Amino acid sequence: MSDPGQNGTSRQTDRWLEPGPTNALVIYILYLAGLAIGVSGIVGIVLAYINRGKAGGFVESHYTFLIRTFWIGLLYALISALLMVVVVGVVLMVAVAVWFITRCILGLQALQRGEPVKNPESWFLGL
């Protein structure tokens, strides 16, 4: 029996690992799943770093946006966790979750329209 990758054809499942819109879509989904399963967010950031600089075009802004979303979200979450000693941290943690989900949804929408993120370096929503 021969391996499907030996004759130059790639398997259908390999497409989501290659740099491009499908990979960026997978990373957005991994980030959103990371709210329930923390490890998937780490897988997403690794994929974003691996594929950044390889996709070209409008997808590059999505990789920058995804990487910044992860690190800024982590920073906001850590600050919120520290402030949980005072009750304000709980409210801030909810705000961070809303910010994170909103950024992912806005990025997904732009990706589905084939558009770059307008301001991928933004600390807020990237609009």
Protein backbone atom coordinates (compact mmCIF):
# COMPACT_ATOMS: atom_id res chain seq x y z
CA MET A 1 0.00 0.00 0.00
CA SER A 2 1.31 3.46 -0.79
CA ASP A 3 1.27 6.57 1.34
CA PRO A 4 -1.05 9.29 -0.09
CA GLY A 5 1.72 11.89 0.30
CA GLN A 6 4.30 9.91 -1.71
CA ASN A 7 2.95 10.59 -5.17
CA GLY A 8 2.89 14.37 -4.71
CA THR A 9 -0.74 14.71 -3.65
CA SER A 10 -1.58 15.96 -0.19
CA ARG A 11 -4.27 14.61 2.00
CA GLN A 12 -7.40 16.74 2.42
CA THR A 13 -6.71 17.15 6.14
CA ASP A 14 -3.27 18.68 5.53
CA ARG A 15 -4.83 21.84 4.09
CA TRP A 16 -5.70 23.29 7.49
CA LEU A 17 -2.05 23.20 8.54
CA GLU A 18 -0.80 25.14 5.50
CA PRO A 19 -0.53 28.94 5.73
CA GLY A 20 -3.62 30.65 4.41
CA PRO A 21 -7.27 31.43 5.13
CA THR A 22 -8.19 27.88 6.19
CA ASN A 23 -5.37 27.80 8.73
CA ALA A 24 -6.33 31.24 10.10
CA LEU A 25 -9.93 29.99 10.43
CA VAL A 26 -8.72 26.97 12.40
CA ILE A 27 -6.73 29.25 14.72
CA TYR A 28 -9.76 31.48 15.39
CA ILE A 29 -11.78 28.35 16.23
CA LEU A 30 -8.99 27.04 18.48
CA TYR A 31 -8.93 30.36 20.32
CA LEU A 32 -12.68 30.29 20.92
CA ALA A 33 -12.48 26.65 22.03
CA GLY A 34 -9.64 27.71 24.33
CA LEU A 35 -12.14 29.48 26.53
CA ALA A 36 -13.44 26.03 27.49
CA ILE A 37 -10.33 23.91 26.75
CA GLY A 38 -7.25 25.99 27.57
CA VAL A 39 -4.79 23.86 25.62
CA SER A 40 -6.39 24.63 22.26
CA GLY A 41 -5.45 28.30 22.59
CA ILE A 42 -1.81 27.29 22.99
CA VAL A 43 -2.04 25.11 19.87
CA GLY A 44 -3.53 28.11 18.06
CA ILE A 45 -0.71 30.49 19.01
CA VAL A 46 1.89 27.92 17.94
CA LEU A 47 0.18 27.54 14.54
CA ALA A 48 -0.01 31.32 14.16
CA TYR A 49 3.72 31.74 14.85
CA ILE A 50 4.64 28.87 12.52
CA ASN A 51 2.62 30.25 9.60
CA ARG A 52 3.18 33.99 10.07
CA GLY A 53 5.19 35.38 7.18
CA LYS A 54 4.38 32.47 4.88
CA ALA A 55 0.82 33.19 3.73
CA GLY A 56 1.12 36.62 2.12
CA GLY A 57 -1.77 38.81 1.13
CA PHE A 58 -4.60 39.72 3.45
CA VAL A 59 -4.06 36.66 5.66
CA GLU A 60 -0.84 38.13 7.09
CA SER A 61 -2.86 40.78 8.95
CA HIS A 62 -4.93 37.97 10.47
CA TYR A 63 -1.84 36.18 11.77
CA THR A 64 -0.60 39.41 13.38
CA PHE A 65 -4.08 40.01 14.80
CA LEU A 66 -4.28 36.44 16.14
CA ILE A 67 -0.87 36.59 17.82
CA ARG A 68 -1.65 39.93 19.43
CA THR A 69 -5.09 38.72 20.50
CA PHE A 70 -3.50 35.82 22.38
CA TRP A 71 -0.83 37.84 24.19
CA ILE A 72 -2.98 40.87 24.97
CA GLY A 73 -5.77 38.58 26.17
CA LEU A 74 -3.32 36.73 28.39
CA LEU A 75 -2.06 40.02 29.83
CA TYR A 76 -5.62 41.25 30.49
CA ALA A 77 -6.54 37.90 32.07
CA LEU A 78 -3.50 37.96 34.37
CA ILE A 79 -4.30 41.51 35.49
CA SER A 80 -7.90 40.46 36.11
CA ALA A 81 -6.77 37.41 38.07
CA LEU A 82 -4.55 39.57 40.28
CA LEU A 83 -7.44 41.95 40.88
CA MET A 84 -9.74 39.12 41.94
CA VAL A 85 -8.43 39.74 45.44
CA VAL A 86 -10.65 42.77 45.21
CA VAL A 87 -14.00 41.97 43.62
CA VAL A 88 -13.33 44.13 40.55
CA GLY A 89 -11.22 41.31 39.06
CA VAL A 90 -14.29 39.14 38.50
CA VAL A 91 -15.97 41.89 36.49
CA LEU A 92 -12.77 42.51 34.54
CA MET A 93 -12.42 38.79 33.75
CA VAL A 94 -15.90 38.82 32.21
CA ALA A 95 -14.94 41.94 30.23
CA VAL A 96 -11.76 40.20 29.00
CA ALA A 97 -13.80 37.19 27.85
CA VAL A 98 -16.23 39.46 25.97
CA TRP A 99 -13.29 41.37 24.43
CA PHE A 100 -11.61 38.11 23.36
CA ILE A 101 -14.77 36.62 21.84
CA THR A 102 -15.58 39.89 20.04
CA ARG A 103 -12.07 40.12 18.56
CA CYS A 104 -12.27 36.54 17.33
CA ILE A 105 -15.71 37.03 15.79
CA LEU A 106 -14.68 40.27 14.06
CA GLY A 107 -11.55 38.56 12.74
CA LEU A 108 -13.60 35.59 11.51
CA GLN A 109 -16.01 37.89 9.72
CA ALA A 110 -13.19 39.76 7.96
CA LEU A 111 -11.53 36.46 7.04
CA GLN A 112 -14.76 35.08 5.55
CA ARG A 113 -15.14 38.26 3.46
CA GLY A 114 -11.56 37.90 2.24
CA GLU A 115 -10.52 41.18 3.86
CA PRO A 116 -7.50 42.02 6.02
CA VAL A 117 -7.94 43.13 9.61
CA LYS A 118 -8.01 46.92 9.36
CA ASN A 119 -5.79 47.55 12.40
CA PRO A 120 -4.11 44.27 13.46
CA GLU A 121 -1.82 46.11 15.90
CA SER A 122 -4.76 47.46 17.91
CA TRP A 123 -5.13 46.78 21.63
CA PHE A 124 -8.91 47.07 21.41
CA LEU A 125 -10.94 45.44 18.63
CA GLY A 126 -8.88 46.09 15.50
CA LEU A 127 -11.63 47.95 13.68
